[in-house]
Amino acid sequence: MDPNGIIWSAAVWIIPLVIAIVFHEVAHGLAARALGDPTAEEQKRLSLNPLRHVDPVGTIVLPLMLAIAKAPVFGWARPVPVDARRLQNPRKGMLLVALAGPGSNLILAFVGAIMLGVFASSVATPEAGSASAFLAANLVNFLIINVFLAIFNLIPLPPFDGGHVVAGLLPERLALKWDQLARFGFPLLIVLLLVLPALVPSANIVQRLVAPPAQALLEQYLKLAAVFG
């Protein structure tokens, strides 16, 4: 397989991305079930089968286009259904459910760092296009993607997990108004991530809010990998 080819570029990003976002969504569902809401389980969304979580645009088309363009790769899965009314403590429960997704990505990054360290000797100087090179690229990208997804989803705005965290911390009256922003979630996402940076480069929230803490956290995970190397 040509490491400079489209198939290689897409595979080494999309494979770890799919794993990361599937675990992210399942973590939301598991947390909800533990806190009293079995909706995700009832709709068979606690499965690790990617087909149950794939969003054609967010999981396949957009990441593929970004990988081909050699741009930063991100995406999303179909959100796991959570019914706040069934939670034992709806406000606190939604906050914990929201944190479960990014938390799962940080755990996966921890596992990925250890794997990267353990396999470092065998993938340190892999032959281009070999299975070792493919494994190395996937492990590195797996670590990057999980760290990025964790920080990215903690942006304190709907529809991000960070938006639900803010709602859980606000007084109930303000939280109700805050949650109304969720109806504009997807358009807001497009404006913040694509339109605004194109018009005002200095307003790129990914570069300004996500990249610095993600880079700092990634460095810590790489230090962990070195311990196991």
C-alpha atoms as a PDB file:
ATOM      1  CA  MET A   1       0.000   0.000   0.000  1.00  0.00           C
ATOM      2  CA  ASP A   2       1.376   3.393  -0.980  1.00  0.00           C
ATOM      3  CA  PRO A   3       1.802   5.552   2.176  1.00  0.00           C
ATOM      4  CA  ASN A   4       1.382   8.620  -0.011  1.00  0.00           C
ATOM      5  CA  GLY A   5      -1.821   7.339  -1.597  1.00  0.00           C
ATOM      6  CA  ILE A   6      -5.399   8.309  -0.885  1.00  0.00           C
ATOM      7  CA  ILE A   7      -6.390   4.887   0.500  1.00  0.00           C
ATOM      8  CA  TRP A   8      -3.518   4.895   2.989  1.00  0.00           C
ATOM      9  CA  SER A   9      -4.155   8.493   4.087  1.00  0.00           C
ATOM     10  CA  ALA A  10      -7.850   7.807   4.605  1.00  0.00           C
ATOM     11  CA  ALA A  11      -7.384   4.469   6.377  1.00  0.00           C
ATOM     12  CA  VAL A  12      -4.816   5.614   8.951  1.00  0.00           C
ATOM     13  CA  TRP A  13      -7.148   8.424  10.007  1.00  0.00           C
ATOM     14  CA  ILE A  14     -10.626   6.970   9.595  1.00  0.00           C
ATOM     15  CA  ILE A  15      -9.932   3.644  11.367  1.00  0.00           C
ATOM     16  CA  PRO A  16      -8.775   5.260  14.650  1.00  0.00           C
ATOM     17  CA  LEU A  17     -11.436   7.963  14.294  1.00  0.00           C
ATOM     18  CA  VAL A  18     -14.264   5.429  14.031  1.00  0.00           C
ATOM     19  CA  ILE A  19     -12.971   3.536  17.072  1.00  0.00           C
ATOM     20  CA  ALA A  20     -12.679   6.761  19.068  1.00  0.00           C
ATOM     21  CA  ILE A  21     -16.129   8.117  18.283  1.00  0.00           C
ATOM     22  CA  VAL A  22     -17.877   4.749  18.749  1.00  0.00           C
ATOM     23  CA  PHE A  23     -16.391   4.380  22.239  1.00  0.00           C
ATOM     24  CA  HIS A  24     -17.261   8.030  22.902  1.00  0.00           C
ATOM     25  CA  GLU A  25     -20.939   7.473  22.102  1.00  0.00           C
ATOM     26  CA  VAL A  26     -21.176   4.133  23.906  1.00  0.00           C
ATOM     27  CA  ALA A  27     -19.651   5.777  26.989  1.00  0.00           C
ATOM     28  CA  HIS A  28     -22.500   8.301  26.977  1.00  0.00           C
ATOM     29  CA  GLY A  29     -25.012   5.462  26.835  1.00  0.00           C
ATOM     30  CA  LEU A  30     -23.337   3.417  29.563  1.00  0.00           C
ATOM     31  CA  ALA A  31     -23.200   6.426  31.864  1.00  0.00           C
ATOM     32  CA  ALA A  32     -26.870   7.161  31.216  1.00  0.00           C
ATOM     33  CA  ARG A  33     -27.824   3.550  31.976  1.00  0.00           C
ATOM     34  CA  ALA A  34     -25.830   3.624  35.206  1.00  0.00           C
ATOM     35  CA  LEU A  35     -27.684   6.803  36.205  1.00  0.00           C
ATOM     36  CA  GLY A  36     -31.138   5.421  35.500  1.00  0.00           C
ATOM     37  CA  ASP A  37     -31.819   5.942  31.785  1.00  0.00           C
ATOM     38  CA  PRO A  38     -31.823   2.698  29.718  1.00  0.00           C
ATOM     39  CA  THR A  39     -32.899   4.418  26.475  1.00  0.00           C
ATOM     40  CA  ALA A  40     -29.641   3.722  24.631  1.00  0.00           C
ATOM     41  CA  GLU A  41     -29.736   0.083  25.703  1.00  0.00           C
ATOM     42  CA  GLU A  42     -33.362  -0.256  24.606  1.00  0.00           C
ATOM     43  CA  GLN A  43     -32.453   1.098  21.174  1.00  0.00           C
ATOM     44  CA  LYS A  44     -29.452  -1.268  20.960  1.00  0.00           C
ATOM     45  CA  ARG A  45     -26.975   1.618  20.873  1.00  0.00           C
ATOM     46  CA  LEU A  46     -24.598   0.212  23.496  1.00  0.00           C
ATOM     47  CA  SER A  47     -23.013  -1.985  20.848  1.00  0.00           C
ATOM     48  CA  LEU A  48     -19.425  -1.423  19.665  1.00  0.00           C
ATOM     49  CA  ASN A  49     -20.599  -2.293  16.152  1.00  0.00           C
ATOM     50  CA  PRO A  50     -19.703   0.867  14.160  1.00  0.00           C
ATOM     51  CA  LEU A  51     -22.718   0.371  11.878  1.00  0.00           C
ATOM     52  CA  ARG A  52     -25.016   1.224  14.789  1.00  0.00           C
ATOM     53  CA  HIS A  53     -23.321   4.578  15.274  1.00  0.00           C
ATOM     54  CA  VAL A  54     -22.124   5.688  11.841  1.00  0.00           C
ATOM     55  CA  ASP A  55     -23.317   9.027  10.538  1.00  0.00           C
ATOM     56  CA  PRO A  56     -22.707   8.933   6.756  1.00  0.00           C
ATOM     57  CA  VAL A  57     -21.501  12.536   6.637  1.00  0.00           C
ATOM     58  CA  GLY A  58     -19.788  12.931  10.010  1.00  0.00           C
ATOM     59  CA  THR A  59     -18.170   9.501  10.212  1.00  0.00           C
ATOM     60  CA  ILE A  60     -17.277   8.809   6.589  1.00  0.00           C
ATOM     61  CA  VAL A  61     -17.646  11.616   4.037  1.00  0.00           C
ATOM     62  CA  LEU A  62     -16.199  14.551   6.002  1.00  0.00           C
ATOM     63  CA  PRO A  63     -13.228  12.651   7.533  1.00  0.00           C
ATOM     64  CA  LEU A  64     -12.458  11.139   4.115  1.00  0.00           C
ATOM     65  CA  MET A  65     -12.442  14.551   2.458  1.00  0.00           C
ATOM     66  CA  LEU A  66     -10.252  15.996   5.210  1.00  0.00           C
ATOM     67  CA  ALA A  67      -7.831  13.063   5.016  1.00  0.00           C
ATOM     68  CA  ILE A  68      -7.533  13.420   1.250  1.00  0.00           C
ATOM     69  CA  ALA A  69      -6.935  17.146   1.630  1.00  0.00           C
ATOM     70  CA  LYS A  70      -4.354  16.398   4.366  1.00  0.00           C
ATOM     71  CA  ALA A  71      -6.293  18.701   6.693  1.00  0.00           C
ATOM     72  CA  PRO A  72      -6.949  18.061  10.404  1.00  0.00           C
ATOM     73  CA  VAL A  73      -9.394  15.152  10.573  1.00  0.00           C
ATOM     74  CA  PHE A  74     -12.470  15.240  12.783  1.00  0.00           C
ATOM     75  CA  GLY A  75     -15.953  13.824  12.660  1.00  0.00           C
ATOM     76  CA  TRP A  76     -18.915  12.626  14.658  1.00  0.00           C
ATOM     77  CA  ALA A  77     -21.251   9.661  15.060  1.00  0.00           C
ATOM     78  CA  ARG A  78     -25.012   9.540  15.530  1.00  0.00           C
ATOM     79  CA  PRO A  79     -25.608  10.754  19.086  1.00  0.00           C
ATOM     80  CA  VAL A  80     -26.632   8.064  21.540  1.00  0.00           C
ATOM     81  CA  PRO A  81     -30.167   8.843  22.780  1.00  0.00           C
ATOM     82  CA  VAL A  82     -30.414  10.025  26.364  1.00  0.00           C
ATOM     83  CA  ASP A  83     -33.717  10.864  28.057  1.00  0.00           C
ATOM     84  CA  ALA A  84     -32.972  13.248  30.915  1.00  0.00           C
ATOM     85  CA  ARG A  85     -36.430  12.622  32.396  1.00  0.00           C
ATOM     86  CA  ARG A  86     -35.463   9.023  33.145  1.00  0.00           C
ATOM     87  CA  LEU A  87     -32.264   9.926  34.965  1.00  0.00           C
ATOM     88  CA  GLN A  88     -32.344   9.727  38.759  1.00  0.00           C
ATOM     89  CA  ASN A  89     -31.093  13.317  38.949  1.00  0.00           C
ATOM     90  CA  PRO A  90     -31.657  14.881  35.516  1.00  0.00           C
ATOM     91  CA  ARG A  91     -29.383  17.914  35.810  1.00  0.00           C
ATOM     92  CA  LYS A  92     -26.480  16.226  37.552  1.00  0.00           C
ATOM     93  CA  GLY A  93     -27.023  13.119  35.448  1.00  0.00           C
ATOM     94  CA  MET A  94     -26.789  14.974  32.141  1.00  0.00           C
ATOM     95  CA  LEU A  95     -23.569  16.629  33.296  1.00  0.00           C
ATOM     96  CA  LEU A  96     -22.032  13.247  34.154  1.00  0.00           C
ATOM     97  CA  VAL A  97     -23.295  11.674  30.935  1.00  0.00           C
ATOM     98  CA  ALA A  98     -21.731  14.525  28.963  1.00  0.00           C
ATOM     99  CA  LEU A  99     -18.370  14.070  30.693  1.00  0.00           C
ATOM    100  CA  ALA A 100     -18.395  10.321  30.037  1.00  0.00           C
ATOM    101  CA  GLY A 101     -17.708  10.811  26.317  1.00  0.00           C
ATOM    102  CA  PRO A 102     -14.540  12.915  26.606  1.00  0.00           C
ATOM    103  CA  GLY A 103     -13.525  10.810  29.592  1.00  0.00           C
ATOM    104  CA  SER A 104     -13.626   7.667  27.460  1.00  0.00           C
ATOM    105  CA  ASN A 105     -11.381   9.339  24.876  1.00  0.00           C
ATOM    106  CA  LEU A 106      -8.823  10.232  27.539  1.00  0.00           C
ATOM    107  CA  ILE A 107      -8.835   6.610  28.700  1.00  0.00           C
ATOM    108  CA  LEU A 108      -8.406   5.415  25.112  1.00  0.00           C
ATOM    109  CA  ALA A 109      -5.537   7.882  24.677  1.00  0.00           C
ATOM    110  CA  PHE A 110      -3.941   6.407  27.805  1.00  0.00           C
ATOM    111  CA  VAL A 111      -4.245   2.900  26.345  1.00  0.00           C
ATOM    112  CA  GLY A 112      -3.008   4.150  22.968  1.00  0.00           C
ATOM    113  CA  ALA A 113       0.055   5.748  24.558  1.00  0.00           C
ATOM    114  CA  ILE A 114       0.969   2.503  26.305  1.00  0.00           C
ATOM    115  CA  MET A 115       0.501   0.536  23.066  1.00  0.00           C
ATOM    116  CA  LEU A 116       2.617   3.053  21.188  1.00  0.00           C
ATOM    117  CA  GLY A 117       5.361   2.690  23.750  1.00  0.00           C
ATOM    118  CA  VAL A 118       5.190  -1.112  23.846  1.00  0.00           C
ATOM    119  CA  PHE A 119       5.322  -1.389  20.055  1.00  0.00           C
ATOM    120  CA  ALA A 120       7.835   1.435  19.642  1.00  0.00           C
ATOM    121  CA  SER A 121      10.769  -0.884  19.057  1.00  0.00           C
ATOM    122  CA  SER A 122       8.994  -2.804  16.306  1.00  0.00           C
ATOM    123  CA  VAL A 123       7.613   0.255  14.504  1.00  0.00           C
ATOM    124  CA  ALA A 124      10.459   2.714  15.113  1.00  0.00           C
ATOM    125  CA  THR A 125      11.884   2.462  11.601  1.00  0.00           C
ATOM    126  CA  PRO A 126       9.254   0.610   9.581  1.00  0.00           C
ATOM    127  CA  GLU A 127       9.638   0.095   5.876  1.00  0.00           C
ATOM    128  CA  ALA A 128       7.393   2.490   3.932  1.00  0.00           C
ATOM    129  CA  GLY A 129       4.123   0.819   3.029  1.00  0.00           C
ATOM    130  CA  SER A 130       4.664  -2.132   5.380  1.00  0.00           C
ATOM    131  CA  ALA A 131       2.243  -3.458   7.972  1.00  0.00           C
ATOM    132  CA  SER A 132       4.510  -1.997  10.676  1.00  0.00           C
ATOM    133  CA  ALA A 133       4.294   1.454   9.091  1.00  0.00           C
ATOM    134  CA  PHE A 134       0.507   1.127   8.905  1.00  0.00           C
ATOM    135  CA  LEU A 135       0.337   0.106  12.581  1.00  0.00           C
ATOM    136  CA  ALA A 136       2.616   2.967  13.596  1.00  0.00           C
ATOM    137  CA  ALA A 137       0.530   5.533  11.729  1.00  0.00           C
ATOM    138  CA  ASN A 138      -2.698   4.198  13.249  1.00  0.00           C
ATOM    139  CA  LEU A 139      -1.308   4.229  16.799  1.00  0.00           C
ATOM    140  CA  VAL A 140      -0.014   7.781  16.484  1.00  0.00           C
ATOM    141  CA  ASN A 141      -3.268   8.992  14.939  1.00  0.00           C
ATOM    142  CA  PHE A 142      -5.306   7.072  17.513  1.00  0.00           C
ATOM    143  CA  LEU A 143      -3.528   8.991  20.250  1.00  0.00           C
ATOM    144  CA  ILE A 144      -3.913  12.346  18.481  1.00  0.00           C
ATOM    145  CA  ILE A 145      -7.590  11.808  17.640  1.00  0.00           C
ATOM    146  CA  ASN A 146      -8.630  10.763  21.138  1.00  0.00           C
ATOM    147  CA  VAL A 147      -6.873  13.708  22.766  1.00  0.00           C
ATOM    148  CA  PHE A 148      -8.345  16.080  20.198  1.00  0.00           C
ATOM    149  CA  LEU A 149     -11.875  14.654  20.538  1.00  0.00           C
ATOM    150  CA  ALA A 150     -11.766  14.920  24.324  1.00  0.00           C
ATOM    151  CA  ILE A 151     -10.769  18.590  24.285  1.00  0.00           C
ATOM    152  CA  PHE A 152     -12.873  19.426  21.222  1.00  0.00           C
ATOM    153  CA  ASN A 153     -16.042  18.057  22.802  1.00  0.00           C
ATOM    154  CA  LEU A 154     -15.465  20.088  25.952  1.00  0.00           C
ATOM    155  CA  ILE A 155     -15.948  23.371  24.070  1.00  0.00           C
ATOM    156  CA  PRO A 156     -18.526  25.049  26.347  1.00  0.00           C
ATOM    157  CA  LEU A 157     -21.234  25.517  23.733  1.00  0.00           C
ATOM    158  CA  PRO A 158     -24.154  23.411  22.494  1.00  0.00           C
ATOM    159  CA  PRO A 159     -24.112  20.900  20.843  1.00  0.00           C
ATOM    160  CA  PHE A 160     -20.741  19.925  22.347  1.00  0.00           C
ATOM    161  CA  ASP A 161     -20.519  17.906  25.550  1.00  0.00           C
ATOM    162  CA  GLY A 162     -19.066  21.006  27.163  1.00  0.00           C
ATOM    163  CA  GLY A 163     -22.369  22.746  26.476  1.00  0.00           C
ATOM    164  CA  HIS A 164     -24.197  20.132  28.567  1.00  0.00           C
ATOM    165  CA  VAL A 165     -21.617  20.572  31.318  1.00  0.00           C
ATOM    166  CA  VAL A 166     -22.303  24.321  31.343  1.00  0.00           C
ATOM    167  CA  ALA A 167     -26.056  23.641  31.511  1.00  0.00           C
ATOM    168  CA  GLY A 168     -25.514  21.370  34.505  1.00  0.00           C
ATOM    169  CA  LEU A 169     -23.535  24.039  36.324  1.00  0.00           C
ATOM    170  CA  LEU A 170     -25.869  26.974  35.622  1.00  0.00           C
ATOM    171  CA  PRO A 171     -28.865  27.795  37.813  1.00  0.00           C
ATOM    172  CA  GLU A 172     -31.877  25.896  36.484  1.00  0.00           C
ATOM    173  CA  ARG A 173     -33.573  28.993  35.096  1.00  0.00           C
ATOM    174  CA  LEU A 174     -30.516  29.999  33.066  1.00  0.00           C
ATOM    175  CA  ALA A 175     -29.867  26.398  32.074  1.00  0.00           C
ATOM    176  CA  LEU A 176     -33.266  26.195  30.362  1.00  0.00           C
ATOM    177  CA  LYS A 177     -32.426  29.227  28.237  1.00  0.00           C
ATOM    178  CA  TRP A 178     -28.951  27.889  27.547  1.00  0.00           C
ATOM    179  CA  ASP A 179     -30.367  24.577  26.321  1.00  0.00           C
ATOM    180  CA  GLN A 180     -32.446  26.417  23.747  1.00  0.00           C
ATOM    181  CA  LEU A 181     -29.236  27.032  21.812  1.00  0.00           C
ATOM    182  CA  ALA A 182     -29.117  23.292  21.086  1.00  0.00           C
ATOM    183  CA  ARG A 183     -31.707  23.666  18.315  1.00  0.00           C
ATOM    184  CA  PHE A 184     -29.117  25.675  16.406  1.00  0.00           C
ATOM    185  CA  GLY A 185     -26.414  23.103  17.113  1.00  0.00           C
ATOM    186  CA  PHE A 186     -25.475  21.957  13.624  1.00  0.00           C
ATOM    187  CA  PRO A 187     -25.610  25.394  11.960  1.00  0.00           C
ATOM    188  CA  LEU A 188     -23.619  26.779  14.895  1.00  0.00           C
ATOM    189  CA  LEU A 189     -21.050  24.017  14.413  1.00  0.00           C
ATOM    190  CA  ILE A 190     -20.622  24.865  10.719  1.00  0.00           C
ATOM    191  CA  VAL A 191     -20.317  28.582  11.413  1.00  0.00           C
ATOM    192  CA  LEU A 192     -17.784  28.156  14.232  1.00  0.00           C
ATOM    193  CA  LEU A 193     -15.608  25.551  12.554  1.00  0.00           C
ATOM    194  CA  LEU A 194     -15.754  26.501   8.883  1.00  0.00           C
ATOM    195  CA  VAL A 195     -17.340  29.853   8.122  1.00  0.00           C
ATOM    196  CA  LEU A 196     -15.931  32.032  10.901  1.00  0.00           C
ATOM    197  CA  PRO A 197     -12.277  30.892  10.518  1.00  0.00           C
ATOM    198  CA  ALA A 198     -12.532  31.489   6.753  1.00  0.00           C
ATOM    199  CA  LEU A 199     -13.783  35.045   7.297  1.00  0.00           C
ATOM    200  CA  VAL A 200     -11.746  35.901  10.396  1.00  0.00           C
ATOM    201  CA  PRO A 201      -8.675  33.646  10.736  1.00  0.00           C
ATOM    202  CA  SER A 202      -7.956  35.005  14.211  1.00  0.00           C
ATOM    203  CA  ALA A 203     -11.349  33.643  15.350  1.00  0.00           C
ATOM    204  CA  ASN A 204     -10.411  30.023  14.662  1.00  0.00           C
ATOM    205  CA  ILE A 205     -11.633  28.367  17.865  1.00  0.00           C
ATOM    206  CA  VAL A 206      -9.881  25.101  17.062  1.00  0.00           C
ATOM    207  CA  GLN A 207      -6.477  26.756  16.861  1.00  0.00           C
ATOM    208  CA  ARG A 208      -7.100  29.096  19.791  1.00  0.00           C
ATOM    209  CA  LEU A 209      -9.135  27.000  22.235  1.00  0.00           C
ATOM    210  CA  VAL A 210      -8.591  23.357  21.307  1.00  0.00           C
ATOM    211  CA  ALA A 211      -5.057  23.087  19.929  1.00  0.00           C
ATOM    212  CA  PRO A 212      -3.069  24.503  22.914  1.00  0.00           C
ATOM    213  CA  PRO A 213      -4.519  22.241  25.641  1.00  0.00           C
ATOM    214  CA  ALA A 214      -4.635  19.290  23.234  1.00  0.00           C
ATOM    215  CA  GLN A 215      -0.959  19.767  22.391  1.00  0.00           C
ATOM    216  CA  ALA A 216      -0.015  20.052  26.068  1.00  0.00           C
ATOM    217  CA  LEU A 217      -1.979  16.904  26.916  1.00  0.00           C
ATOM    218  CA  LEU A 218      -0.566  15.038  23.934  1.00  0.00           C
ATOM    219  CA  GLU A 219       2.956  15.775  25.140  1.00  0.00           C
ATOM    220  CA  GLN A 220       2.129  14.176  28.479  1.00  0.00           C
ATOM    221  CA  TYR A 221       0.778  11.068  26.775  1.00  0.00           C
ATOM    222  CA  LEU A 222       3.931  10.845  24.635  1.00  0.00           C
ATOM    223  CA  LYS A 223       5.997  10.982  27.820  1.00  0.00           C
ATOM    224  CA  LEU A 224       3.900   8.080  29.090  1.00  0.00           C
ATOM    225  CA  ALA A 225       4.577   6.203  25.854  1.00  0.00           C
ATOM    226  CA  ALA A 226       8.314   6.760  26.334  1.00  0.00           C
ATOM    227  CA  VAL A 227       8.110   5.099  29.751  1.00  0.00           C
ATOM    228  CA  PHE A 228       6.856   1.894  28.089  1.00  0.00           C
ATOM    229  CA  GLY A 229       9.240   2.198  25.141  1.00  0.00           C
END
